[in-house]
Amino acid sequence: MRAVYAESITPDDPLAGLVVGERPEPEVPDGWARVSVRAAALNHHDLWSLRGVGLGQDKLPMVLGCDAAGVDEDGREVIVHAVISDPSWTGDETMDPRRSLLSERHQGTFADTVVVPRRNLLPKPADLTFEEAACLPTAWLTAYRMLFTRGELRPGQSVLVQGVGGGVATALVVLGHAAGLRVLATSRDEAKRARALELGADAVFESGERLPEKVDAVMETVGRATWSHSIRSLRPGGTLVVSGTTSGPQLDDAELTRIFFLQLRVVGSTMGTLQELRDLTALLAVSGARPVIHDVVPVERARDAFAEMERGDMVGKLVLTF
């Protein structure tokens, strides 16, 4: 079968270990299901895997990819939930200490066929294309959990989204607008700020620019470069939800004095649950909101898509088709 996989790990040159070629058809363990992939979305997780973060040499070769939509063995159109929890685990699967994502311990979605636990399949809504559905399981699910589960935001409240452009930040803007939040967004890039306004942001600002108002919550995926600005943008009692540190995890100043004096909440968030994925598809159905897709390319051009994601000059998701 055709696949996009990591053959080797090179921290300083991730694309050096990327191969677009043939892999054996996967076996199907008991309780698992075979899915014929129609579309699969790229995430920065895939680049980190090629750098050896979360993926060891002993797991190579590893088919990359967390997200997919396709058709199962019974002919049903499905979305693949990427979080693989222990079979004995009950409750929120993101809390399972033995959880993993597809392409970490189990072969990923960038292939003609992916094999996943049967419980990880969700019916694809008929009004979503395969390409749109493939965007949901990682970036869009992460954004949904940040806003509504961990951030506990309600219609009418205000939220600041740092670093618009990437998949999660773009999803935060669209979902926040769809749910009736007042959305403020930042970016260093003027074109990305303009795009955020088109996607539903109420106001946009240069990265680090002082806001005209304090917000109820900040969605943080950037880390070191925006942390201080995030803390200083919150109202007393506000919430900062962090799900990533693309600019680095080390802080010169964690703003601890401001955090305790203003009684701020700093909340971590990772991926999402199968139920939250259901809730996300329901929100899209009632609101009419749809995932933002930067480009759709055939699997044969996967290397070009990886290179574009590494450059970062895009808004929305890159999707491979099979």
Protein backbone atom coordinates (compact mmCIF):
# COMPACT_ATOMS: atom_id res chain seq x y z
CA MET A 1 0.00 0.00 0.00
CA ARG A 2 1.08 3.61 -0.48
CA ALA A 3 2.30 5.29 2.70
CA VAL A 4 4.18 8.29 4.05
CA TYR A 5 6.54 7.08 6.74
CA ALA A 6 9.57 7.86 8.88
CA GLU A 7 12.51 5.70 7.84
CA SER A 8 15.04 7.47 10.06
CA ILE A 9 15.17 10.26 12.63
CA THR A 10 17.17 13.44 12.02
CA PRO A 11 16.53 16.16 14.65
CA ASP A 12 18.08 18.99 12.60
CA ASP A 13 16.69 17.95 9.21
CA PRO A 14 13.37 16.19 9.74
CA LEU A 15 12.52 15.75 6.06
CA ALA A 16 15.69 13.69 5.56
CA GLY A 17 13.99 10.67 7.10
CA LEU A 18 10.67 11.08 5.27
CA VAL A 19 9.75 8.47 2.66
CA VAL A 20 6.76 8.31 0.31
CA GLY A 21 6.61 4.72 -0.84
CA GLU A 22 5.22 1.24 -0.29
CA ARG A 23 4.54 -0.49 3.05
CA PRO A 24 2.95 -3.87 3.82
CA GLU A 25 -0.79 -4.00 4.44
CA PRO A 26 -1.41 -3.96 8.23
CA GLU A 27 -2.78 -6.91 10.18
CA VAL A 28 -6.04 -6.39 12.09
CA PRO A 29 -5.95 -7.45 15.78
CA ASP A 30 -9.11 -8.57 17.57
CA GLY A 31 -11.30 -5.58 18.42
CA TRP A 32 -9.65 -3.39 15.78
CA ALA A 33 -10.97 -2.28 12.40
CA ARG A 34 -9.51 -1.61 8.98
CA VAL A 35 -10.22 1.81 7.45
CA SER A 36 -9.59 2.74 3.82
CA VAL A 37 -8.25 6.28 4.13
CA ARG A 38 -9.77 8.93 1.88
CA ALA A 39 -8.13 12.01 3.43
CA ALA A 40 -5.58 12.67 6.18
CA ALA A 41 -4.47 16.01 7.67
CA LEU A 42 -0.93 17.02 8.59
CA ASN A 43 0.02 18.24 12.06
CA HIS A 44 3.24 19.55 13.56
CA HIS A 45 3.24 16.30 15.52
CA ASP A 46 4.36 14.66 12.27
CA LEU A 47 7.42 16.92 12.02
CA TRP A 48 8.25 16.34 15.69
CA SER A 49 8.07 12.59 15.07
CA LEU A 50 10.67 12.94 12.30
CA ARG A 51 12.86 14.77 14.82
CA GLY A 52 12.52 11.87 17.26
CA VAL A 53 10.15 13.52 19.73
CA GLY A 54 7.70 10.86 20.90
CA LEU A 55 9.01 8.38 18.34
CA GLY A 56 11.96 6.09 19.08
CA GLN A 57 14.36 4.42 16.67
CA ASP A 58 12.98 1.04 17.78
CA LYS A 59 9.58 1.92 16.26
CA LEU A 60 10.91 2.63 12.76
CA PRO A 61 9.76 2.46 10.06
CA MET A 62 6.62 4.23 11.27
CA VAL A 63 3.75 5.40 9.08
CA LEU A 64 3.11 9.00 10.11
CA GLY A 65 -0.20 10.77 10.63
CA CYS A 66 -2.76 11.13 13.41
CA ASP A 67 -5.83 12.34 11.52
CA ALA A 68 -7.96 10.54 8.97
CA ALA A 69 -11.40 10.10 7.50
CA GLY A 70 -12.33 7.14 5.36
CA VAL A 71 -14.50 4.08 4.89
CA ASP A 72 -14.53 1.08 7.25
CA GLU A 73 -14.93 -2.60 6.39
CA ASP A 74 -18.72 -2.30 6.54
CA GLY A 75 -18.79 0.56 4.02
CA ARG A 76 -19.49 3.28 6.62
CA GLU A 77 -17.92 6.70 6.26
CA VAL A 78 -15.98 7.32 9.48
CA ILE A 79 -13.68 9.72 11.31
CA VAL A 80 -10.71 8.19 13.14
CA HIS A 81 -10.18 9.27 16.77
CA ALA A 82 -6.39 9.50 17.18
CA VAL A 83 -6.02 8.88 20.94
CA ILE A 84 -5.29 5.20 21.62
CA SER A 85 -5.98 4.36 25.27
CA ASP A 86 -5.36 1.13 27.15
CA PRO A 87 -8.22 -1.37 26.57
CA SER A 88 -8.86 -1.51 30.32
CA TRP A 89 -9.10 2.27 30.69
CA THR A 90 -12.47 3.88 31.37
CA GLY A 91 -13.36 7.56 31.43
CA ASP A 92 -11.46 10.46 29.83
CA GLU A 93 -8.93 8.75 27.56
CA THR A 94 -6.62 11.79 27.62
CA MET A 95 -5.99 11.06 31.31
CA ASP A 96 -4.78 7.49 30.66
CA PRO A 97 -1.04 7.49 31.51
CA ARG A 98 -0.53 4.73 28.92
CA ARG A 99 -2.31 6.54 26.11
CA SER A 100 -0.61 7.34 22.82
CA LEU A 101 -1.43 8.93 19.50
CA LEU A 102 -1.50 7.08 16.23
CA SER A 103 2.03 7.08 14.70
CA GLU A 104 3.72 6.84 18.12
CA ARG A 105 3.29 3.14 19.01
CA HIS A 106 0.83 2.16 16.29
CA GLN A 107 1.14 2.83 12.56
CA GLY A 108 -0.42 6.13 11.53
CA THR A 109 -2.95 7.40 9.04
CA PHE A 110 -0.81 8.51 6.07
CA ALA A 111 -1.49 5.32 4.13
CA ASP A 112 -4.11 3.70 1.94
CA THR A 113 -5.14 1.67 5.00
CA VAL A 114 -5.01 2.35 8.75
CA VAL A 115 -5.95 -0.07 11.53
CA VAL A 116 -7.43 1.31 14.76
CA PRO A 117 -9.47 0.09 17.74
CA ARG A 118 -13.08 -0.24 16.65
CA ARG A 119 -14.14 2.04 19.53
CA ASN A 120 -12.08 4.83 17.91
CA LEU A 121 -14.38 5.16 14.90
CA LEU A 122 -17.01 7.88 14.73
CA PRO A 123 -19.60 8.16 11.93
CA LYS A 124 -18.68 10.96 9.53
CA PRO A 125 -21.50 13.48 9.18
CA ALA A 126 -22.84 13.47 5.63
CA ASP A 127 -22.47 17.24 5.32
CA LEU A 128 -18.71 17.13 5.93
CA THR A 129 -16.35 16.22 3.11
CA PHE A 130 -13.63 13.66 3.79
CA GLU A 131 -11.09 16.49 3.62
CA GLU A 132 -12.97 18.57 6.22
CA ALA A 133 -13.55 15.58 8.49
CA ALA A 134 -9.86 14.67 8.40
CA CYS A 135 -8.98 18.03 9.97
CA LEU A 136 -10.95 17.37 13.16
CA PRO A 137 -9.27 14.67 15.29
CA THR A 138 -6.14 16.58 16.37
CA ALA A 139 -6.04 20.36 15.87
CA TRP A 140 -9.78 21.01 15.89
CA LEU A 141 -10.46 18.61 18.74
CA THR A 142 -7.63 20.21 20.73
CA ALA A 143 -9.18 23.64 20.15
CA TYR A 144 -12.65 22.44 21.18
CA ARG A 145 -11.36 21.01 24.47
CA MET A 146 -9.32 24.15 25.19
CA LEU A 147 -12.29 26.47 24.76
CA PHE A 148 -15.18 24.58 26.25
CA THR A 149 -13.90 21.80 28.52
CA ARG A 150 -10.74 23.25 30.05
CA GLY A 151 -11.53 26.94 29.48
CA GLU A 152 -15.20 26.54 30.46
CA LEU A 153 -16.11 29.45 28.21
CA ARG A 154 -19.72 30.44 27.57
CA PRO A 155 -21.39 32.57 24.88
CA GLY A 156 -20.74 36.26 25.39
CA GLN A 157 -17.37 35.84 27.09
CA SER A 158 -14.09 37.06 25.60
CA VAL A 159 -11.04 35.03 24.55
CA LEU A 160 -7.60 35.90 23.20
CA VAL A 161 -6.04 33.50 20.70
CA GLN A 162 -2.26 33.82 20.43
CA GLY A 163 -0.40 33.21 17.17
CA VAL A 164 -3.11 32.82 14.54
CA GLY A 165 -2.06 30.82 11.49
CA GLY A 166 -1.46 27.33 12.78
CA GLY A 167 -4.13 24.65 12.79
CA VAL A 168 -5.09 24.88 16.47
CA ALA A 169 -5.12 28.69 16.61
CA THR A 170 -7.19 28.92 13.43
CA ALA A 171 -9.67 26.40 14.84
CA LEU A 172 -9.89 28.40 18.06
CA VAL A 173 -10.95 31.50 16.13
CA VAL A 174 -13.57 29.69 14.06
CA LEU A 175 -15.03 27.67 16.95
CA GLY A 176 -15.00 30.64 19.33
CA HIS A 177 -16.92 32.73 16.82
CA ALA A 178 -19.34 29.87 16.12
CA ALA A 179 -20.08 29.53 19.85
CA GLY A 180 -20.82 33.22 20.39
CA LEU A 181 -17.55 34.27 22.04
CA ARG A 182 -15.86 37.62 21.55
CA VAL A 183 -12.62 36.55 19.86
CA LEU A 184 -9.40 38.60 19.87
CA ALA A 185 -6.38 37.26 18.00
CA THR A 186 -2.69 38.06 17.56
CA SER A 187 -0.12 37.40 14.86
CA ARG A 188 3.20 38.87 13.77
CA ASP A 189 1.99 38.62 10.16
CA GLU A 190 -0.38 41.26 8.73
CA ALA A 191 -1.89 38.84 6.20
CA LYS A 192 -2.66 36.30 8.92
CA ARG A 193 -4.31 39.00 11.05
CA ALA A 194 -6.48 39.94 8.09
CA ARG A 195 -7.39 36.29 7.55
CA ALA A 196 -8.35 35.95 11.23
CA LEU A 197 -10.86 38.78 10.78
CA GLU A 198 -12.34 36.97 7.78
CA LEU A 199 -12.68 33.81 9.89
CA GLY A 200 -14.65 35.56 12.62
CA ALA A 201 -12.22 37.31 14.97
CA ASP A 202 -13.72 40.50 16.41
CA ALA A 203 -10.35 42.26 16.66
CA VAL A 204 -6.72 41.49 15.79
CA PHE A 205 -3.44 42.78 17.16
CA GLU A 206 0.29 42.58 16.61
CA SER A 207 1.94 39.95 18.78
CA GLY A 208 2.66 41.54 22.17
CA GLU A 209 0.47 44.59 21.54
CA ARG A 210 -1.42 45.85 24.58
CA LEU A 211 -5.12 45.04 24.34
CA PRO A 212 -7.85 47.65 24.86
CA GLU A 213 -9.64 45.26 27.22
CA LYS A 214 -8.84 42.40 29.59
CA VAL A 215 -10.22 39.02 28.49
CA ASP A 216 -11.89 36.14 30.29
CA ALA A 217 -9.49 33.56 28.87
CA VAL A 218 -6.36 33.22 26.75
CA MET A 219 -5.64 30.24 24.50
CA GLU A 220 -1.88 29.66 24.50
CA THR A 221 -0.05 27.39 22.05
CA VAL A 222 3.09 29.49 21.51
CA GLY A 223 4.81 29.37 24.90
CA ARG A 224 7.83 31.46 25.78
CA ALA A 225 7.34 34.19 23.17
CA THR A 226 3.79 35.10 24.24
CA TRP A 227 3.50 33.87 27.85
CA SER A 228 3.94 37.23 29.59
CA HIS A 229 1.53 38.93 27.19
CA SER A 230 -1.01 36.17 27.81
CA ILE A 231 -0.86 36.58 31.59
CA ARG A 232 -1.06 40.40 31.37
CA SER A 233 -4.10 40.22 29.05
CA LEU A 234 -6.30 38.36 31.56
CA ARG A 235 -8.90 39.94 33.80
CA PRO A 236 -8.70 39.11 37.54
CA GLY A 237 -9.80 35.51 37.96
CA GLY A 238 -9.26 34.75 34.28
CA THR A 239 -8.03 31.51 32.76
CA LEU A 240 -5.01 30.70 30.62
CA VAL A 241 -5.31 27.39 28.76
CA VAL A 242 -2.03 26.05 27.38
CA SER A 243 -1.76 23.16 24.93
CA GLY A 244 1.60 23.78 23.29
CA THR A 245 4.92 25.60 23.38
CA THR A 246 5.99 26.09 19.77
CA SER A 247 8.43 28.88 20.71
CA GLY A 248 9.94 26.87 23.57
CA PRO A 249 8.90 25.72 27.05
CA GLN A 250 11.47 27.63 29.11
CA LEU A 251 10.32 30.96 30.62
CA ASP A 252 12.44 33.91 31.71
CA ASP A 253 9.60 35.06 33.95
CA ALA A 254 6.57 32.91 34.72
CA GLU A 255 4.67 35.95 36.06
CA LEU A 256 3.95 34.07 39.31
CA THR A 257 3.28 37.24 41.30
CA ARG A 258 0.63 38.37 38.84
CA ILE A 259 -0.87 34.87 38.76
CA PHE A 260 -1.43 34.62 42.51
CA PHE A 261 -2.29 38.28 43.10
CA LEU A 262 -4.97 38.30 40.37
CA GLN A 263 -6.03 34.72 41.22
CA LEU A 264 -5.54 33.56 37.66
CA ARG A 265 -6.00 29.95 36.58
CA VAL A 266 -3.35 28.24 34.41
CA VAL A 267 -4.80 25.07 32.91
CA GLY A 268 -3.15 22.42 30.76
CA SER A 269 -5.01 20.79 27.88
CA THR A 270 -4.09 17.83 25.68
CA MET A 271 -6.01 16.54 22.66
CA GLY A 272 -9.59 15.49 23.45
CA THR A 273 -11.98 12.61 24.00
CA LEU A 274 -14.18 10.67 21.62
CA GLN A 275 -17.24 12.34 23.19
CA GLU A 276 -15.71 15.77 22.63
CA LEU A 277 -15.12 14.80 19.00
CA ARG A 278 -18.84 13.98 18.77
CA ASP A 279 -19.68 17.32 20.38
CA LEU A 280 -17.37 19.11 17.95
CA THR A 281 -19.13 17.61 14.93
CA ALA A 282 -22.48 18.62 16.47
CA LEU A 283 -21.27 22.23 16.88
CA LEU A 284 -20.20 22.31 13.23
CA ALA A 285 -23.60 20.96 12.20
CA VAL A 286 -25.67 23.56 14.05
CA SER A 287 -23.38 26.52 13.36
CA GLY A 288 -22.40 25.83 9.77
CA ALA A 289 -18.74 26.41 10.65
CA ARG A 290 -16.22 24.33 8.74
CA PRO A 291 -12.51 23.51 9.10
CA VAL A 292 -10.16 25.92 7.37
CA ILE A 293 -8.11 24.12 4.71
CA HIS A 294 -4.99 25.76 3.32
CA ASP A 295 -4.42 23.18 0.57
CA VAL A 296 -5.36 19.67 -0.51
CA VAL A 297 -2.68 17.58 -2.23
CA PRO A 298 -2.45 13.95 -3.38
CA VAL A 299 -0.37 11.62 -1.22
CA GLU A 300 2.31 11.49 -3.92
CA ARG A 301 3.10 15.14 -3.11
CA ALA A 302 3.35 14.59 0.64
CA ARG A 303 6.95 15.82 0.80
CA ASP A 304 5.87 19.19 -0.62
CA ALA A 305 3.15 19.45 2.02
CA PHE A 306 5.61 18.65 4.82
CA ALA A 307 8.00 21.30 3.51
CA GLU A 308 5.22 23.88 3.41
CA MET A 309 4.17 23.05 6.96
CA GLU A 310 7.78 23.39 8.12
CA ARG A 311 7.97 26.87 6.54
CA GLY A 312 4.78 27.89 8.36
CA ASP A 313 3.50 30.29 5.70
CA MET A 314 -0.11 29.17 5.81
CA VAL A 315 -3.45 29.55 7.55
CA GLY A 316 -5.39 26.36 8.20
CA LYS A 317 -4.72 22.72 7.48
CA LEU A 318 -2.82 20.82 4.82
CA VAL A 319 -4.67 17.67 3.74
CA LEU A 320 -3.45 14.60 1.86
CA THR A 321 -5.90 12.65 -0.31
CA PHE A 322 -5.80 8.93 -1.12
